[in-house]
Amino acid sequence: MKIKYIHKMVNNFKAVDSLKLIEYDESDLPDNIIQIIKTHKDLSKSNTFGEKDLGDPQEYEKLIIEDSSGNRVFEYYNKGIYFMVKGGEEDRPVFQVFAHLMTIERE
């Protein structure tokens, strides 16, 4: 499994397609994060999470998972604010994956 990820604060979403994603291998992530990626229903097909227009600047994240089932693309808008205000237990696993990737991106 290959994982590509980017986290940025942006003033608008027009430039997000040009962002360079960082590539990780499955071995770069802890087992609990890999298990969420492999088993969570919201990560089984391309999906969008969060909500636009919750801040200025806005938080943008993109995750691409490449594995034997193909490529899946995920975007998360304003993860922090969205999860604090509108998130619940059912949202926690996806939030954990993105939050973990955000922390290792900064290392």
PDB file of N, CA and C in Angstrom:
ATOM      1  N   MET A   1       0.843  -1.177   0.000  1.00  0.00           N
ATOM      2  CA  MET A   1       0.000   0.000   0.000  1.00  0.00           C
ATOM      3  C   MET A   1       0.891   1.243   0.000  1.00  0.00           C
ATOM      4  N   LYS A   2       0.562   2.177  -0.860  1.00  0.00           N
ATOM      5  CA  LYS A   2       1.214   3.483  -0.898  1.00  0.00           C
ATOM      6  C   LYS A   2       0.204   4.529  -0.456  1.00  0.00           C
ATOM      7  N   ILE A   3       0.686   5.489   0.291  1.00  0.00           N
ATOM      8  CA  ILE A   3      -0.165   6.537   0.818  1.00  0.00           C
ATOM      9  C   ILE A   3       0.460   7.871   0.438  1.00  0.00           C
ATOM     10  N   LYS A   4      -0.331   8.745  -0.165  1.00  0.00           N
ATOM     11  CA  LYS A   4       0.125  10.095  -0.493  1.00  0.00           C
ATOM     12  C   LYS A   4      -0.762  11.062   0.282  1.00  0.00           C
ATOM     13  N   TYR A   5      -0.127  12.108   0.828  1.00  0.00           N
ATOM     14  CA  TYR A   5      -0.858  12.981   1.730  1.00  0.00           C
ATOM     15  C   TYR A   5      -0.286  14.400   1.683  1.00  0.00           C
ATOM     16  N   ILE A   6      -1.169  15.374   1.885  1.00  0.00           N
ATOM     17  CA  ILE A   6      -0.760  16.763   2.063  1.00  0.00           C
ATOM     18  C   ILE A   6      -1.746  17.459   3.005  1.00  0.00           C
ATOM     19  N   HIS A   7      -1.219  18.341   3.813  1.00  0.00           N
ATOM     20  CA  HIS A   7      -2.009  19.182   4.717  1.00  0.00           C
ATOM     21  C   HIS A   7      -1.537  20.618   4.528  1.00  0.00           C
ATOM     22  N   LYS A   8      -2.461  21.516   4.238  1.00  0.00           N
ATOM     23  CA  LYS A   8      -2.114  22.926   4.057  1.00  0.00           C
ATOM     24  C   LYS A   8      -3.229  23.821   4.571  1.00  0.00           C
ATOM     25  N   MET A   9      -2.842  24.996   4.992  1.00  0.00           N
ATOM     26  CA  MET A   9      -3.782  26.064   5.273  1.00  0.00           C
ATOM     27  C   MET A   9      -3.811  26.914   4.014  1.00  0.00           C
ATOM     28  N   VAL A  10      -5.009  27.171   3.481  1.00  0.00           N
ATOM     29  CA  VAL A  10      -5.138  27.881   2.215  1.00  0.00           C
ATOM     30  C   VAL A  10      -6.145  29.028   2.334  1.00  0.00           C
ATOM     31  N   ASN A  11      -5.957  30.028   1.507  1.00  0.00           N
ATOM     32  CA  ASN A  11      -6.912  31.135   1.456  1.00  0.00           C
ATOM     33  C   ASN A  11      -8.066  30.832   0.522  1.00  0.00           C
ATOM     34  N   ASN A  12      -7.806  29.977  -0.468  1.00  0.00           N
ATOM     35  CA  ASN A  12      -8.876  29.500  -1.352  1.00  0.00           C
ATOM     36  C   ASN A  12      -8.480  28.117  -1.853  1.00  0.00           C
ATOM     37  N   PHE A  13      -9.418  27.426  -2.422  1.00  0.00           N
ATOM     38  CA  PHE A  13      -9.168  26.046  -2.829  1.00  0.00           C
ATOM     39  C   PHE A  13      -8.774  25.916  -4.297  1.00  0.00           C
ATOM     40  N   LYS A  14      -8.562  27.040  -4.978  1.00  0.00           N
ATOM     41  CA  LYS A  14      -8.208  26.999  -6.389  1.00  0.00           C
ATOM     42  C   LYS A  14      -6.850  26.361  -6.636  1.00  0.00           C
ATOM     43  N   ALA A  15      -5.906  26.518  -5.725  1.00  0.00           N
ATOM     44  CA  ALA A  15      -4.540  26.042  -5.934  1.00  0.00           C
ATOM     45  C   ALA A  15      -4.277  24.645  -5.365  1.00  0.00           C
ATOM     46  N   VAL A  16      -5.264  23.994  -4.798  1.00  0.00           N
ATOM     47  CA  VAL A  16      -4.989  22.720  -4.116  1.00  0.00           C
ATOM     48  C   VAL A  16      -4.577  21.607  -5.075  1.00  0.00           C
ATOM     49  N   ASP A  17      -4.982  21.673  -6.326  1.00  0.00           N
ATOM     50  CA  ASP A  17      -4.594  20.627  -7.273  1.00  0.00           C
ATOM     51  C   ASP A  17      -3.106  20.639  -7.576  1.00  0.00           C
ATOM     52  N   SER A  18      -2.447  21.755  -7.341  1.00  0.00           N
ATOM     53  CA  SER A  18      -1.015  21.850  -7.626  1.00  0.00           C
ATOM     54  C   SER A  18      -0.145  21.502  -6.414  1.00  0.00           C
ATOM     55  N   LEU A  19      -0.750  21.175  -5.289  1.00  0.00           N
ATOM     56  CA  LEU A  19       0.024  20.846  -4.090  1.00  0.00           C
ATOM     57  C   LEU A  19       0.762  19.521  -4.273  1.00  0.00           C
ATOM     58  N   LYS A  20       1.993  19.472  -3.810  1.00  0.00           N
ATOM     59  CA  LYS A  20       2.798  18.258  -3.906  1.00  0.00           C
ATOM     60  C   LYS A  20       2.536  17.387  -2.685  1.00  0.00           C
ATOM     61  N   LEU A  21       2.089  16.179  -2.932  1.00  0.00           N
ATOM     62  CA  LEU A  21       1.792  15.250  -1.853  1.00  0.00           C
ATOM     63  C   LEU A  21       3.062  14.529  -1.417  1.00  0.00           C
ATOM     64  N   ILE A  22       3.122  14.192  -0.138  1.00  0.00           N
ATOM     65  CA  ILE A  22       4.225  13.420   0.423  1.00  0.00           C
ATOM     66  C   ILE A  22       3.821  11.947   0.378  1.00  0.00           C
ATOM     67  N   GLU A  23       4.744  11.097  -0.052  1.00  0.00           N
ATOM     68  CA  GLU A  23       4.433   9.676  -0.182  1.00  0.00           C
ATOM     69  C   GLU A  23       4.968   8.890   1.014  1.00  0.00           C
ATOM     70  N   TYR A  24       4.119   8.005   1.517  1.00  0.00           N
ATOM     71  CA  TYR A  24       4.466   7.122   2.623  1.00  0.00           C
ATOM     72  C   TYR A  24       4.209   5.689   2.208  1.00  0.00           C
ATOM     73  N   ASP A  25       4.929   4.802   2.829  1.00  0.00           N
ATOM     74  CA  ASP A  25       4.702   3.380   2.649  1.00  0.00           C
ATOM     75  C   ASP A  25       3.906   2.874   3.851  1.00  0.00           C
ATOM     76  N   GLU A  26       3.241   1.777   3.676  1.00  0.00           N
ATOM     77  CA  GLU A  26       2.459   1.191   4.771  1.00  0.00           C
ATOM     78  C   GLU A  26       3.303   1.027   6.035  1.00  0.00           C
ATOM     79  N   SER A  27       4.573   0.700   5.866  1.00  0.00           N
ATOM     80  CA  SER A  27       5.451   0.481   7.027  1.00  0.00           C
ATOM     81  C   SER A  27       5.750   1.764   7.796  1.00  0.00           C
ATOM     82  N   ASP A  28       5.437   2.928   7.223  1.00  0.00           N
ATOM     83  CA  ASP A  28       5.657   4.203   7.908  1.00  0.00           C
ATOM     84  C   ASP A  28       4.574   4.524   8.941  1.00  0.00           C
ATOM     85  N   LEU A  29       3.476   3.768   8.921  1.00  0.00           N
ATOM     86  CA  LEU A  29       2.335   4.058   9.786  1.00  0.00           C
ATOM     87  C   LEU A  29       2.138   2.963  10.824  1.00  0.00           C
ATOM     88  N   PRO A  30       1.627   3.319  12.006  1.00  0.00           N
ATOM     89  CA  PRO A  30       1.368   2.308  13.036  1.00  0.00           C
ATOM     90  C   PRO A  30       0.215   1.382  12.638  1.00  0.00           C
ATOM     91  N   ASP A  31       0.208   0.212  13.210  1.00  0.00           N
ATOM     92  CA  ASP A  31      -0.796  -0.808  12.873  1.00  0.00           C
ATOM     93  C   ASP A  31      -2.231  -0.321  13.059  1.00  0.00           C
ATOM     94  N   ASN A  32      -2.499   0.459  14.116  1.00  0.00           N
ATOM     95  CA  ASN A  32      -3.885   0.895  14.335  1.00  0.00           C
ATOM     96  C   ASN A  32      -4.371   1.812  13.215  1.00  0.00           C
ATOM     97  N   ILE A  33      -3.498   2.632  12.659  1.00  0.00           N
ATOM     98  CA  ILE A  33      -3.871   3.508  11.547  1.00  0.00           C
ATOM     99  C   ILE A  33      -4.072   2.686  10.273  1.00  0.00           C
ATOM    100  N   ILE A  34      -3.202   1.729  10.036  1.00  0.00           N
ATOM    101  CA  ILE A  34      -3.343   0.844   8.865  1.00  0.00           C
ATOM    102  C   ILE A  34      -4.655   0.067   8.952  1.00  0.00           C
ATOM    103  N   GLN A  35      -5.011  -0.407  10.122  1.00  0.00           N
ATOM    104  CA  GLN A  35      -6.264  -1.150  10.274  1.00  0.00           C
ATOM    105  C   GLN A  35      -7.476  -0.284   9.958  1.00  0.00           C
ATOM    106  N   ILE A  36      -7.448   0.968  10.386  1.00  0.00           N
ATOM    107  CA  ILE A  36      -8.554   1.872  10.056  1.00  0.00           C
ATOM    108  C   ILE A  36      -8.631   2.049   8.540  1.00  0.00           C
ATOM    109  N   ILE A  37      -7.495   2.291   7.913  1.00  0.00           N
ATOM    110  CA  ILE A  37      -7.474   2.481   6.455  1.00  0.00           C
ATOM    111  C   ILE A  37      -8.030   1.257   5.743  1.00  0.00           C
ATOM    112  N   LYS A  38      -7.660   0.080   6.203  1.00  0.00           N
ATOM    113  CA  LYS A  38      -8.068  -1.153   5.523  1.00  0.00           C
ATOM    114  C   LYS A  38      -9.504  -1.569   5.818  1.00  0.00           C
ATOM    115  N   THR A  39     -10.055  -1.150   6.954  1.00  0.00           N
ATOM    116  CA  THR A  39     -11.348  -1.718   7.352  1.00  0.00           C
ATOM    117  C   THR A  39     -12.489  -0.712   7.511  1.00  0.00           C
ATOM    118  N   HIS A  40     -12.190   0.556   7.642  1.00  0.00           N
ATOM    119  CA  HIS A  40     -13.268   1.507   7.912  1.00  0.00           C
ATOM    120  C   HIS A  40     -14.093   1.767   6.651  1.00  0.00           C
ATOM    121  N   LYS A  41     -15.395   1.703   6.779  1.00  0.00           N
ATOM    122  CA  LYS A  41     -16.308   1.846   5.633  1.00  0.00           C
ATOM    123  C   LYS A  41     -16.146   3.178   4.913  1.00  0.00           C
ATOM    124  N   ASP A  42     -15.843   4.248   5.631  1.00  0.00           N
ATOM    125  CA  ASP A  42     -15.706   5.558   5.000  1.00  0.00           C
ATOM    126  C   ASP A  42     -14.417   5.701   4.196  1.00  0.00           C
ATOM    127  N   LEU A  43     -13.497   4.740   4.346  1.00  0.00           N
ATOM    128  CA  LEU A  43     -12.251   4.759   3.588  1.00  0.00           C
ATOM    129  C   LEU A  43     -12.213   3.660   2.531  1.00  0.00           C
ATOM    130  N   SER A  44     -13.352   3.025   2.282  1.00  0.00           N
ATOM    131  CA  SER A  44     -13.397   1.945   1.295  1.00  0.00           C
ATOM    132  C   SER A  44     -13.521   2.454  -0.134  1.00  0.00           C
ATOM    133  N   LYS A  45     -13.968   3.698  -0.301  1.00  0.00           N
ATOM    134  CA  LYS A  45     -14.050   4.323  -1.627  1.00  0.00           C
ATOM    135  C   LYS A  45     -13.799   5.807  -1.474  1.00  0.00           C
ATOM    136  N   SER A  46     -13.428   6.460  -2.565  1.00  0.00           N
ATOM    137  CA  SER A  46     -13.134   7.896  -2.526  1.00  0.00           C
ATOM    138  C   SER A  46     -14.261   8.640  -1.820  1.00  0.00           C
ATOM    139  N   ASN A  47     -13.871   9.673  -1.065  1.00  0.00           N
ATOM    140  CA  ASN A  47     -14.845  10.343  -0.218  1.00  0.00           C
ATOM    141  C   ASN A  47     -14.358  11.750   0.118  1.00  0.00           C
ATOM    142  N   THR A  48     -15.259  12.604   0.536  1.00  0.00           N
ATOM    143  CA  THR A  48     -14.938  13.945   1.010  1.00  0.00           C
ATOM    144  C   THR A  48     -15.494  14.097   2.419  1.00  0.00           C
ATOM    145  N   PHE A  49     -14.696  14.722   3.283  1.00  0.00           N
ATOM    146  CA  PHE A  49     -15.071  14.903   4.687  1.00  0.00           C
ATOM    147  C   PHE A  49     -14.990  16.380   5.053  1.00  0.00           C
ATOM    148  N   GLY A  50     -15.643  16.737   6.124  1.00  0.00           N
ATOM    149  CA  GLY A  50     -15.582  18.102   6.626  1.00  0.00           C
ATOM    150  C   GLY A  50     -16.513  19.027   5.888  1.00  0.00           C
ATOM    151  N   GLU A  51     -16.171  20.306   5.950  1.00  0.00           N
ATOM    152  CA  GLU A  51     -17.029  21.332   5.361  1.00  0.00           C
ATOM    153  C   GLU A  51     -16.181  22.549   4.995  1.00  0.00           C
ATOM    154  N   LYS A  52     -16.434  23.098   3.839  1.00  0.00           N
ATOM    155  CA  LYS A  52     -15.738  24.314   3.418  1.00  0.00           C
ATOM    156  C   LYS A  52     -16.292  25.523   4.166  1.00  0.00           C
ATOM    157  N   ASP A  53     -15.527  26.608   4.132  1.00  0.00           N
ATOM    158  CA  ASP A  53     -15.925  27.913   4.675  1.00  0.00           C
ATOM    159  C   ASP A  53     -16.114  27.925   6.189  1.00  0.00           C
ATOM    160  N   LEU A  54     -15.233  27.219   6.892  1.00  0.00           N
ATOM    161  CA  LEU A  54     -15.294  27.236   8.356  1.00  0.00           C
ATOM    162  C   LEU A  54     -14.128  27.998   8.980  1.00  0.00           C
ATOM    163  N   GLY A  55     -13.399  28.723   8.187  1.00  0.00           N
ATOM    164  CA  GLY A  55     -12.281  29.467   8.756  1.00  0.00           C
ATOM    165  C   GLY A  55     -11.617  30.329   7.706  1.00  0.00           C
ATOM    166  N   ASP A  56     -10.651  31.109   8.147  1.00  0.00           N
ATOM    167  CA  ASP A  56      -9.878  31.932   7.233  1.00  0.00           C
ATOM    168  C   ASP A  56      -8.497  32.121   7.840  1.00  0.00           C
ATOM    169  N   PRO A  57      -7.463  31.471   7.344  1.00  0.00           N
ATOM    170  CA  PRO A  57      -7.480  30.574   6.193  1.00  0.00           C
ATOM    171  C   PRO A  57      -8.191  29.261   6.529  1.00  0.00           C
ATOM    172  N   GLN A  58      -8.330  28.434   5.510  1.00  0.00           N
ATOM    173  CA  GLN A  58      -9.028  27.166   5.682  1.00  0.00           C
ATOM    174  C   GLN A  58      -8.039  25.999   5.650  1.00  0.00           C
ATOM    175  N   GLU A  59      -8.379  24.966   6.371  1.00  0.00           N
ATOM    176  CA  GLU A  59      -7.550  23.771   6.423  1.00  0.00           C
ATOM    177  C   GLU A  59      -7.965  22.829   5.286  1.00  0.00           C
ATOM    178  N   TYR A  60      -6.971  22.341   4.560  1.00  0.00           N
ATOM    179  CA  TYR A  60      -7.232  21.420   3.454  1.00  0.00           C
ATOM    180  C   TYR A  60      -6.285  20.237   3.563  1.00  0.00           C
ATOM    181  N   GLU A  61      -6.849  19.043   3.390  1.00  0.00           N
ATOM    182  CA  GLU A  61      -6.036  17.837   3.376  1.00  0.00           C
ATOM    183  C   GLU A  61      -6.482  16.934   2.237  1.00  0.00           C
ATOM    184  N   LYS A  62      -5.500  16.278   1.655  1.00  0.00           N
ATOM    185  CA  LYS A  62      -5.783  15.311   0.599  1.00  0.00           C
ATOM    186  C   LYS A  62      -5.004  14.044   0.898  1.00  0.00           C
ATOM    187  N   LEU A  63      -5.676  12.924   0.748  1.00  0.00           N
ATOM    188  CA  LEU A  63      -5.096  11.613   0.997  1.00  0.00           C
ATOM    189  C   LEU A  63      -5.422  10.727  -0.200  1.00  0.00           C
ATOM    190  N   ILE A  64      -4.383  10.103  -0.741  1.00  0.00           N
ATOM    191  CA  ILE A  64      -4.574   9.135  -1.821  1.00  0.00           C
ATOM    192  C   ILE A  64      -4.021   7.800  -1.333  1.00  0.00           C
ATOM    193  N   ILE A  65      -4.838   6.786  -1.419  1.00  0.00           N
ATOM    194  CA  ILE A  65      -4.429   5.438  -1.025  1.00  0.00           C
ATOM    195  C   ILE A  65      -4.380   4.580  -2.279  1.00  0.00           C
ATOM    196  N   GLU A  66      -3.221   4.000  -2.530  1.00  0.00           N
ATOM    197  CA  GLU A  66      -3.034   3.102  -3.666  1.00  0.00           C
ATOM    198  C   GLU A  66      -2.776   1.706  -3.123  1.00  0.00           C
ATOM    199  N   ASP A  67      -3.639   0.773  -3.476  1.00  0.00           N
ATOM    200  CA  ASP A  67      -3.451  -0.603  -3.054  1.00  0.00           C
ATOM    201  C   ASP A  67      -4.010  -1.551  -4.104  1.00  0.00           C
ATOM    202  N   SER A  68      -4.150  -2.808  -3.769  1.00  0.00           N
ATOM    203  CA  SER A  68      -4.590  -3.817  -4.739  1.00  0.00           C
ATOM    204  C   SER A  68      -5.996  -3.561  -5.274  1.00  0.00           C
ATOM    205  N   SER A  69      -6.796  -2.778  -4.564  1.00  0.00           N
ATOM    206  CA  SER A  69      -8.151  -2.489  -5.035  1.00  0.00           C
ATOM    207  C   SER A  69      -8.195  -1.208  -5.886  1.00  0.00           C
ATOM    208  N   GLY A  70      -7.041  -0.587  -6.129  1.00  0.00           N
ATOM    209  CA  GLY A  70      -6.989   0.615  -6.951  1.00  0.00           C
ATOM    210  C   GLY A  70      -6.638   1.847  -6.146  1.00  0.00           C
ATOM    211  N   ASN A  71      -6.972   3.001  -6.690  1.00  0.00           N
ATOM    212  CA  ASN A  71      -6.703   4.280  -6.027  1.00  0.00           C
ATOM    213  C   ASN A  71      -7.988   4.853  -5.458  1.00  0.00           C
ATOM    214  N   ARG A  72      -7.879   5.371  -4.229  1.00  0.00           N
ATOM    215  CA  ARG A  72      -8.989   6.071  -3.602  1.00  0.00           C
ATOM    216  C   ARG A  72      -8.477   7.441  -3.179  1.00  0.00           C
ATOM    217  N   VAL A  73      -9.286   8.467  -3.427  1.00  0.00           N
ATOM    218  CA  VAL A  73      -8.889   9.844  -3.125  1.00  0.00           C
ATOM    219  C   VAL A  73      -9.850  10.400  -2.076  1.00  0.00           C
ATOM    220  N   PHE A  74      -9.267  11.020  -1.053  1.00  0.00           N
ATOM    221  CA  PHE A  74     -10.047  11.598   0.041  1.00  0.00           C
ATOM    222  C   PHE A  74      -9.609  13.041   0.252  1.00  0.00           C
ATOM    223  N   GLU A  75     -10.576  13.909   0.452  1.00  0.00           N
ATOM    224  CA  GLU A  75     -10.292  15.288   0.806  1.00  0.00           C
ATOM    225  C   GLU A  75     -11.005  15.578   2.122  1.00  0.00           C
ATOM    226  N   TYR A  76     -10.330  16.351   2.953  1.00  0.00           N
ATOM    227  CA  TYR A  76     -10.901  16.717   4.249  1.00  0.00           C
ATOM    228  C   TYR A  76     -10.773  18.226   4.380  1.00  0.00           C
ATOM    229  N   TYR A  77     -11.895  18.916   4.526  1.00  0.00           N
ATOM    230  CA  TYR A  77     -11.926  20.366   4.643  1.00  0.00           C
ATOM    231  C   TYR A  77     -12.132  20.752   6.106  1.00  0.00           C
ATOM    232  N   ASN A  78     -11.232  21.570   6.612  1.00  0.00           N
ATOM    233  CA  ASN A  78     -11.368  22.137   7.963  1.00  0.00           C
ATOM    234  C   ASN A  78     -11.575  21.066   9.029  1.00  0.00           C
ATOM    235  N   LYS A  79     -10.684  20.084   9.017  1.00  0.00           N
ATOM    236  CA  LYS A  79     -10.785  18.919   9.907  1.00  0.00           C
ATOM    237  C   LYS A  79     -10.944  19.302  11.372  1.00  0.00           C
ATOM    238  N   GLY A  80     -10.065  20.157  11.865  1.00  0.00           N
ATOM    239  CA  GLY A  80     -10.088  20.495  13.285  1.00  0.00           C
ATOM    240  C   GLY A  80     -11.387  21.120  13.736  1.00  0.00           C
ATOM    241  N   ILE A  81     -11.799  22.166  13.053  1.00  0.00           N
ATOM    242  CA  ILE A  81     -13.040  22.854  13.423  1.00  0.00           C
ATOM    243  C   ILE A  81     -14.241  21.941  13.216  1.00  0.00           C
ATOM    244  N   TYR A  82     -14.273  21.271  12.083  1.00  0.00           N
ATOM    245  CA  TYR A  82     -15.419  20.422  11.768  1.00  0.00           C
ATOM    246  C   TYR A  82     -15.596  19.321  12.817  1.00  0.00           C
ATOM    247  N   PHE A  83     -14.506  18.647  13.160  1.00  0.00           N
ATOM    248  CA  PHE A  83     -14.620  17.548  14.114  1.00  0.00           C
ATOM    249  C   PHE A  83     -15.023  18.056  15.494  1.00  0.00           C
ATOM    250  N   MET A  84     -14.475  19.188  15.921  1.00  0.00           N
ATOM    251  CA  MET A  84     -14.825  19.728  17.242  1.00  0.00           C
ATOM    252  C   MET A  84     -16.291  20.136  17.313  1.00  0.00           C
ATOM    253  N   VAL A  85     -16.811  20.715  16.242  1.00  0.00           N
ATOM    254  CA  VAL A  85     -18.158  21.264  16.274  1.00  0.00           C
ATOM    255  C   VAL A  85     -19.217  20.243  15.853  1.00  0.00           C
ATOM    256  N   LYS A  86     -18.936  19.455  14.827  1.00  0.00           N
ATOM    257  CA  LYS A  86     -19.955  18.588  14.261  1.00  0.00           C
ATOM    258  C   LYS A  86     -19.616  17.114  14.308  1.00  0.00           C
ATOM    259  N   GLY A  87     -18.392  16.762  14.669  1.00  0.00           N
ATOM    260  CA  GLY A  87     -17.963  15.370  14.643  1.00  0.00           C
ATOM    261  C   GLY A  87     -18.507  14.561  15.799  1.00  0.00           C
ATOM    262  N   GLY A  88     -18.511  13.269  15.591  1.00  0.00           N
ATOM    263  CA  GLY A  88     -18.952  12.341  16.625  1.00  0.00           C
ATOM    264  C   GLY A  88     -18.107  11.083  16.597  1.00  0.00           C
ATOM    265  N   GLU A  89     -18.496  10.121  17.377  1.00  0.00           N
ATOM    266  CA  GLU A  89     -17.736   8.871  17.455  1.00  0.00           C
ATOM    267  C   GLU A  89     -17.601   8.177  16.108  1.00  0.00           C
ATOM    268  N   GLU A  90     -18.631   8.268  15.277  1.00  0.00           N
ATOM    269  CA  GLU A  90     -18.562   7.621  13.964  1.00  0.00           C
ATOM    270  C   GLU A  90     -17.530   8.284  13.059  1.00  0.00           C
ATOM    271  N   ASP A  91     -17.183   9.544  13.340  1.00  0.00           N
ATOM    272  CA  ASP A  91     -16.189  10.279  12.552  1.00  0.00           C
ATOM    273  C   ASP A  91     -14.761  10.101  13.079  1.00  0.00           C
ATOM    274  N   ARG A  92     -14.636   9.620  14.291  1.00  0.00           N
ATOM    275  CA  ARG A  92     -13.329   9.563  14.954  1.00  0.00           C
ATOM    276  C   ARG A  92     -12.276   8.761  14.186  1.00  0.00           C
ATOM    277  N   PRO A  93     -12.559   7.576  13.641  1.00  0.00           N
ATOM    278  CA  PRO A  93     -11.497   6.820  12.960  1.00  0.00           C
ATOM    279  C   PRO A  93     -10.887   7.577  11.772  1.00  0.00           C
ATOM    280  N   VAL A  94     -11.705   8.198  10.951  1.00  0.00           N
ATOM    281  CA  VAL A  94     -11.183   8.957   9.814  1.00  0.00           C
ATOM    282  C   VAL A  94     -10.377  10.153  10.319  1.00  0.00           C
ATOM    283  N   PHE A  95     -10.882  10.840  11.329  1.00  0.00           N
ATOM    284  CA  PHE A  95     -10.159  11.954  11.936  1.00  0.00           C
ATOM    285  C   PHE A  95      -8.788  11.483  12.429  1.00  0.00           C
ATOM    286  N   GLN A  96      -8.731  10.302  13.054  1.00  0.00           N
ATOM    287  CA  GLN A  96      -7.467   9.772  13.571  1.00  0.00           C
ATOM    288  C   GLN A  96      -6.455   9.544  12.459  1.00  0.00           C
ATOM    289  N   VAL A  97      -6.911   9.006  11.335  1.00  0.00           N
ATOM    290  CA  VAL A  97      -5.998   8.765  10.210  1.00  0.00           C
ATOM    291  C   VAL A  97      -5.409  10.087   9.729  1.00  0.00           C
ATOM    292  N   PHE A  98      -6.253  11.057   9.464  1.00  0.00           N
ATOM    293  CA  PHE A  98      -5.777  12.346   8.966  1.00  0.00           C
ATOM    294  C   PHE A  98      -4.921  13.057  10.007  1.00  0.00           C
ATOM    295  N   ALA A  99      -5.295  13.005  11.268  1.00  0.00           N
ATOM    296  CA  ALA A  99      -4.515  13.662  12.319  1.00  0.00           C
ATOM    297  C   ALA A  99      -3.133  13.028  12.453  1.00  0.00           C
ATOM    298  N   HIS A 100      -3.077  11.701  12.349  1.00  0.00           N
ATOM    299  CA  HIS A 100      -1.770  11.040  12.435  1.00  0.00           C
ATOM    300  C   HIS A 100      -0.881  11.441  11.260  1.00  0.00           C
ATOM    301  N   LEU A 101      -1.438  11.435  10.065  1.00  0.00           N
ATOM    302  CA  LEU A 101      -0.654  11.822   8.891  1.00  0.00           C
ATOM    303  C   LEU A 101      -0.169  13.265   9.010  1.00  0.00           C
ATOM    304  N   MET A 102      -0.996  14.132   9.542  1.00  0.00           N
ATOM    305  CA  MET A 102      -0.600  15.523   9.739  1.00  0.00           C
ATOM    306  C   MET A 102       0.595  15.617  10.683  1.00  0.00           C
ATOM    307  N   THR A 103       0.612  14.813  11.733  1.00  0.00           N
ATOM    308  CA  THR A 103       1.725  14.889  12.698  1.00  0.00           C
ATOM    309  C   THR A 103       3.019  14.353  12.101  1.00  0.00           C
ATOM    310  N   ILE A 104       2.964  13.280  11.319  1.00  0.00           N
ATOM    311  CA  ILE A 104       4.230  12.766  10.757  1.00  0.00           C
ATOM    312  C   ILE A 104       4.698  13.618   9.588  1.00  0.00           C
ATOM    313  N   GLU A 105       3.799  14.322   8.927  1.00  0.00           N
ATOM    314  CA  GLU A 105       4.205  15.226   7.858  1.00  0.00           C
ATOM    315  C   GLU A 105       5.109  16.331   8.414  1.00  0.00           C
ATOM    316  N   ARG A 106       4.888  16.723   9.630  1.00  0.00           N
ATOM    317  CA  ARG A 106       5.641  17.832  10.224  1.00  0.00           C
ATOM    318  C   ARG A 106       6.974  17.399  10.816  1.00  0.00           C
ATOM    319  N   GLU A 107       7.230  16.102  10.877  1.00  0.00           N
ATOM    320  CA  GLU A 107       8.495  15.617  11.482  1.00  0.00           C
ATOM    321  C   GLU A 107       9.694  15.912  10.601  1.00  0.00           C
TER     322      GLU A 107
END
